[in-house]
Amino acid sequence: MNALQNSTATDEAMFTAEELAASKRLHPSTIRKMFMNQPGVIRLGHPASAGRQQYFTLRIPASVAHRVFAAMTVGGHE
């Protein structure tokens, strides 16, 4: 993948877990669980350590959201 192709991927619309949850009528924690380990999702934060709780925020590209929800749809294709 060259630099031009890479830059268009980062220009894609991104959603927070809260935004996707509201649009799909799901709880934000459900969205976090669904997308936490999906390829293409941007995960920002820090892991848990002594005395610190794990904290992270997700940025979910529109193409990843579409792929995951299409795969979950009955009769859907990836």
C-alpha atoms as a PDB file:
ATOM      1  CA  MET A   1       0.000   0.000   0.000  1.00  0.00           C
ATOM      2  CA  ASN A   2       1.465   3.348  -0.949  1.00  0.00           C
ATOM      3  CA  ALA A   3       1.244   6.599   1.032  1.00  0.00           C
ATOM      4  CA  LEU A   4      -1.649   7.951  -1.063  1.00  0.00           C
ATOM      5  CA  GLN A   5      -3.806   4.865  -0.442  1.00  0.00           C
ATOM      6  CA  ASN A   6      -2.929   4.997   3.242  1.00  0.00           C
ATOM      7  CA  SER A   7      -3.954   8.667   3.576  1.00  0.00           C
ATOM      8  CA  THR A   8      -7.405   8.050   2.079  1.00  0.00           C
ATOM      9  CA  ALA A   9      -8.045   5.365   4.701  1.00  0.00           C
ATOM     10  CA  THR A  10      -7.429   7.902   7.466  1.00  0.00           C
ATOM     11  CA  ASP A  11      -9.718  10.434   5.762  1.00  0.00           C
ATOM     12  CA  GLU A  12     -12.667   8.062   6.133  1.00  0.00           C
ATOM     13  CA  ALA A  13     -15.523   8.978   8.475  1.00  0.00           C
ATOM     14  CA  MET A  14     -14.862   7.741  12.013  1.00  0.00           C
ATOM     15  CA  PHE A  15     -17.383   7.074  14.750  1.00  0.00           C
ATOM     16  CA  THR A  16     -17.156   6.798  18.519  1.00  0.00           C
ATOM     17  CA  ALA A  17     -18.784   3.890  20.334  1.00  0.00           C
ATOM     18  CA  GLU A  18     -21.427   6.299  21.623  1.00  0.00           C
ATOM     19  CA  GLU A  19     -22.271   7.548  18.113  1.00  0.00           C
ATOM     20  CA  LEU A  20     -22.646   4.035  16.710  1.00  0.00           C
ATOM     21  CA  ALA A  21     -24.618   2.924  19.758  1.00  0.00           C
ATOM     22  CA  ALA A  22     -27.112   5.751  19.310  1.00  0.00           C
ATOM     23  CA  SER A  23     -27.543   5.074  15.597  1.00  0.00           C
ATOM     24  CA  LYS A  24     -28.024   1.305  16.101  1.00  0.00           C
ATOM     25  CA  ARG A  25     -30.005   1.580  19.359  1.00  0.00           C
ATOM     26  CA  LEU A  26     -27.439  -0.426  21.303  1.00  0.00           C
ATOM     27  CA  HIS A  27     -25.563   0.278  24.527  1.00  0.00           C
ATOM     28  CA  PRO A  28     -22.087   1.841  24.099  1.00  0.00           C
ATOM     29  CA  SER A  29     -20.498  -1.023  26.057  1.00  0.00           C
ATOM     30  CA  THR A  30     -21.970  -3.485  23.528  1.00  0.00           C
ATOM     31  CA  ILE A  31     -20.372  -1.526  20.684  1.00  0.00           C
ATOM     32  CA  ARG A  32     -17.018  -1.416  22.535  1.00  0.00           C
ATOM     33  CA  LYS A  33     -17.075  -5.205  22.979  1.00  0.00           C
ATOM     34  CA  MET A  34     -18.002  -5.745  19.324  1.00  0.00           C
ATOM     35  CA  PHE A  35     -15.276  -3.505  17.902  1.00  0.00           C
ATOM     36  CA  MET A  36     -12.448  -3.585  20.468  1.00  0.00           C
ATOM     37  CA  ASN A  37     -10.344  -6.144  18.569  1.00  0.00           C
ATOM     38  CA  GLN A  38     -11.542  -5.544  15.011  1.00  0.00           C
ATOM     39  CA  PRO A  39      -8.854  -4.814  12.403  1.00  0.00           C
ATOM     40  CA  GLY A  40      -8.877  -1.156  11.339  1.00  0.00           C
ATOM     41  CA  VAL A  41     -10.278   0.241  14.603  1.00  0.00           C
ATOM     42  CA  ILE A  42      -8.160   2.931  16.226  1.00  0.00           C
ATOM     43  CA  ARG A  43      -7.722   2.309  19.951  1.00  0.00           C
ATOM     44  CA  LEU A  44      -6.357   5.160  22.072  1.00  0.00           C
ATOM     45  CA  GLY A  45      -5.581   4.945  25.775  1.00  0.00           C
ATOM     46  CA  HIS A  46      -3.466   3.003  28.217  1.00  0.00           C
ATOM     47  CA  PRO A  47      -3.518  -0.559  29.558  1.00  0.00           C
ATOM     48  CA  ALA A  48      -4.268  -1.365  33.164  1.00  0.00           C
ATOM     49  CA  SER A  49      -1.315  -1.163  35.529  1.00  0.00           C
ATOM     50  CA  ALA A  50      -0.792  -1.158  39.274  1.00  0.00           C
ATOM     51  CA  GLY A  51      -3.292   1.263  40.735  1.00  0.00           C
ATOM     52  CA  ARG A  52      -4.626   2.396  37.339  1.00  0.00           C
ATOM     53  CA  GLN A  53      -7.761   1.259  35.605  1.00  0.00           C
ATOM     54  CA  GLN A  54      -7.574   0.377  31.915  1.00  0.00           C
ATOM     55  CA  TYR A  55      -8.847   3.260  29.825  1.00  0.00           C
ATOM     56  CA  PHE A  56      -9.241   3.525  26.094  1.00  0.00           C
ATOM     57  CA  THR A  57     -11.423   5.159  23.489  1.00  0.00           C
ATOM     58  CA  LEU A  58     -12.268   3.757  20.084  1.00  0.00           C
ATOM     59  CA  ARG A  59     -12.523   5.415  16.697  1.00  0.00           C
ATOM     60  CA  ILE A  60     -14.363   3.117  14.325  1.00  0.00           C
ATOM     61  CA  PRO A  61     -14.026   3.725  10.569  1.00  0.00           C
ATOM     62  CA  ALA A  62     -17.287   3.603   8.605  1.00  0.00           C
ATOM     63  CA  SER A  63     -16.006   0.711   6.472  1.00  0.00           C
ATOM     64  CA  VAL A  64     -15.264  -1.388   9.570  1.00  0.00           C
ATOM     65  CA  ALA A  65     -18.706  -0.649  11.033  1.00  0.00           C
ATOM     66  CA  HIS A  66     -20.317  -1.630   7.739  1.00  0.00           C
ATOM     67  CA  ARG A  67     -18.274  -4.857   7.540  1.00  0.00           C
ATOM     68  CA  VAL A  68     -19.106  -5.931  11.096  1.00  0.00           C
ATOM     69  CA  PHE A  69     -22.821  -5.144  10.898  1.00  0.00           C
ATOM     70  CA  ALA A  70     -23.101  -6.783   7.449  1.00  0.00           C
ATOM     71  CA  ALA A  71     -21.496  -9.950   8.806  1.00  0.00           C
ATOM     72  CA  MET A  72     -23.975  -9.997  11.700  1.00  0.00           C
ATOM     73  CA  THR A  73     -27.013  -9.504   9.475  1.00  0.00           C
ATOM     74  CA  VAL A  74     -28.996 -12.667   8.755  1.00  0.00           C
ATOM     75  CA  GLY A  75     -28.154 -13.598   5.182  1.00  0.00           C
ATOM     76  CA  GLY A  76     -25.527 -10.838   5.122  1.00  0.00           C
ATOM     77  CA  HIS A  77     -22.238 -11.132   3.329  1.00  0.00           C
ATOM     78  CA  GLU A  78     -18.887  -9.775   4.331  1.00  0.00           C
END
